[in-house]
Amino acid sequence: MSERGRWHTGLRELPVLVTLHPSALLRGDPAERESAYAQWLADLERAGEYLA
């Protein structure tokens, strides 16, 4: 997913951070699950920094 982790401008000029849906982590390749989960957590931390 090339857009994951990037900020975009959404409706009404609101910032949008592209990330994975949590269920995609569970359905993904088990060998890549730990790495994908770490990336997902990093995305959530970035979103949290924006909201703080």
C-alpha atoms as a PDB file:
ATOM      1  CA  MET A   1       0.000   0.000   0.000  1.00  0.00           C
ATOM      2  CA  SER A   2       1.977   2.947  -1.292  1.00  0.00           C
ATOM      3  CA  GLU A   3      -0.156   5.641   0.355  1.00  0.00           C
ATOM      4  CA  ARG A   4       0.052   4.171   3.868  1.00  0.00           C
ATOM      5  CA  GLY A   5       1.592   6.543   6.392  1.00  0.00           C
ATOM      6  CA  ARG A   6       1.089   9.636   4.243  1.00  0.00           C
ATOM      7  CA  TRP A   7      -0.963  12.681   5.077  1.00  0.00           C
ATOM      8  CA  HIS A   8      -3.526  13.890   2.526  1.00  0.00           C
ATOM      9  CA  THR A   9      -6.113  16.634   2.442  1.00  0.00           C
ATOM     10  CA  GLY A  10      -9.631  15.255   2.721  1.00  0.00           C
ATOM     11  CA  LEU A  11     -13.081  16.751   2.575  1.00  0.00           C
ATOM     12  CA  ARG A  12     -13.372  20.294   3.855  1.00  0.00           C
ATOM     13  CA  GLU A  13      -9.573  20.547   3.783  1.00  0.00           C
ATOM     14  CA  LEU A  14      -9.232  18.239   6.810  1.00  0.00           C
ATOM     15  CA  PRO A  15      -6.017  16.206   7.114  1.00  0.00           C
ATOM     16  CA  VAL A  16      -6.322  12.457   6.538  1.00  0.00           C
ATOM     17  CA  LEU A  17      -3.668   9.880   7.429  1.00  0.00           C
ATOM     18  CA  VAL A  18      -3.809   6.709   5.337  1.00  0.00           C
ATOM     19  CA  THR A  19      -3.372   3.496   7.309  1.00  0.00           C
ATOM     20  CA  LEU A  20      -4.626  -0.096   7.344  1.00  0.00           C
ATOM     21  CA  HIS A  21      -7.916  -1.286   8.726  1.00  0.00           C
ATOM     22  CA  PRO A  22      -7.182  -3.460  11.788  1.00  0.00           C
ATOM     23  CA  SER A  23      -8.864  -6.499  10.209  1.00  0.00           C
ATOM     24  CA  ALA A  24      -6.386  -6.306   7.318  1.00  0.00           C
ATOM     25  CA  LEU A  25      -3.627  -7.025   9.827  1.00  0.00           C
ATOM     26  CA  LEU A  26      -5.353 -10.235  10.875  1.00  0.00           C
ATOM     27  CA  ARG A  27      -6.055 -11.398   7.311  1.00  0.00           C
ATOM     28  CA  GLY A  28      -2.560 -10.604   6.042  1.00  0.00           C
ATOM     29  CA  ASP A  29       0.419 -12.886   5.639  1.00  0.00           C
ATOM     30  CA  PRO A  30       1.360 -14.247   9.087  1.00  0.00           C
ATOM     31  CA  ALA A  31       5.062 -13.850   8.245  1.00  0.00           C
ATOM     32  CA  GLU A  32       4.531 -10.106   7.745  1.00  0.00           C
ATOM     33  CA  ARG A  33       2.030  -9.571  10.558  1.00  0.00           C
ATOM     34  CA  GLU A  34       4.486  -8.337  13.197  1.00  0.00           C
ATOM     35  CA  SER A  35       6.019  -5.772  10.837  1.00  0.00           C
ATOM     36  CA  ALA A  36       2.598  -4.620   9.594  1.00  0.00           C
ATOM     37  CA  TYR A  37       1.382  -4.258  13.182  1.00  0.00           C
ATOM     38  CA  ALA A  38       4.426  -2.134  14.087  1.00  0.00           C
ATOM     39  CA  GLN A  39       3.797   0.109  11.063  1.00  0.00           C
ATOM     40  CA  TRP A  40       0.126   0.414  12.012  1.00  0.00           C
ATOM     41  CA  LEU A  41       1.059   1.452  15.563  1.00  0.00           C
ATOM     42  CA  ALA A  42       3.476   4.044  14.163  1.00  0.00           C
ATOM     43  CA  ASP A  43       0.633   5.435  12.018  1.00  0.00           C
ATOM     44  CA  LEU A  44      -1.606   5.701  15.079  1.00  0.00           C
ATOM     45  CA  GLU A  45       1.152   7.472  17.015  1.00  0.00           C
ATOM     46  CA  ARG A  46       1.524  10.013  14.185  1.00  0.00           C
ATOM     47  CA  ALA A  47      -2.227  10.618  14.199  1.00  0.00           C
ATOM     48  CA  GLY A  48      -2.141  11.006  17.982  1.00  0.00           C
ATOM     49  CA  GLU A  49       0.645  13.580  17.748  1.00  0.00           C
ATOM     50  CA  TYR A  50      -1.467  15.589  15.332  1.00  0.00           C
ATOM     51  CA  LEU A  51      -4.469  15.471  17.671  1.00  0.00           C
ATOM     52  CA  ALA A  52      -2.473  16.400  20.790  1.00  0.00           C
END
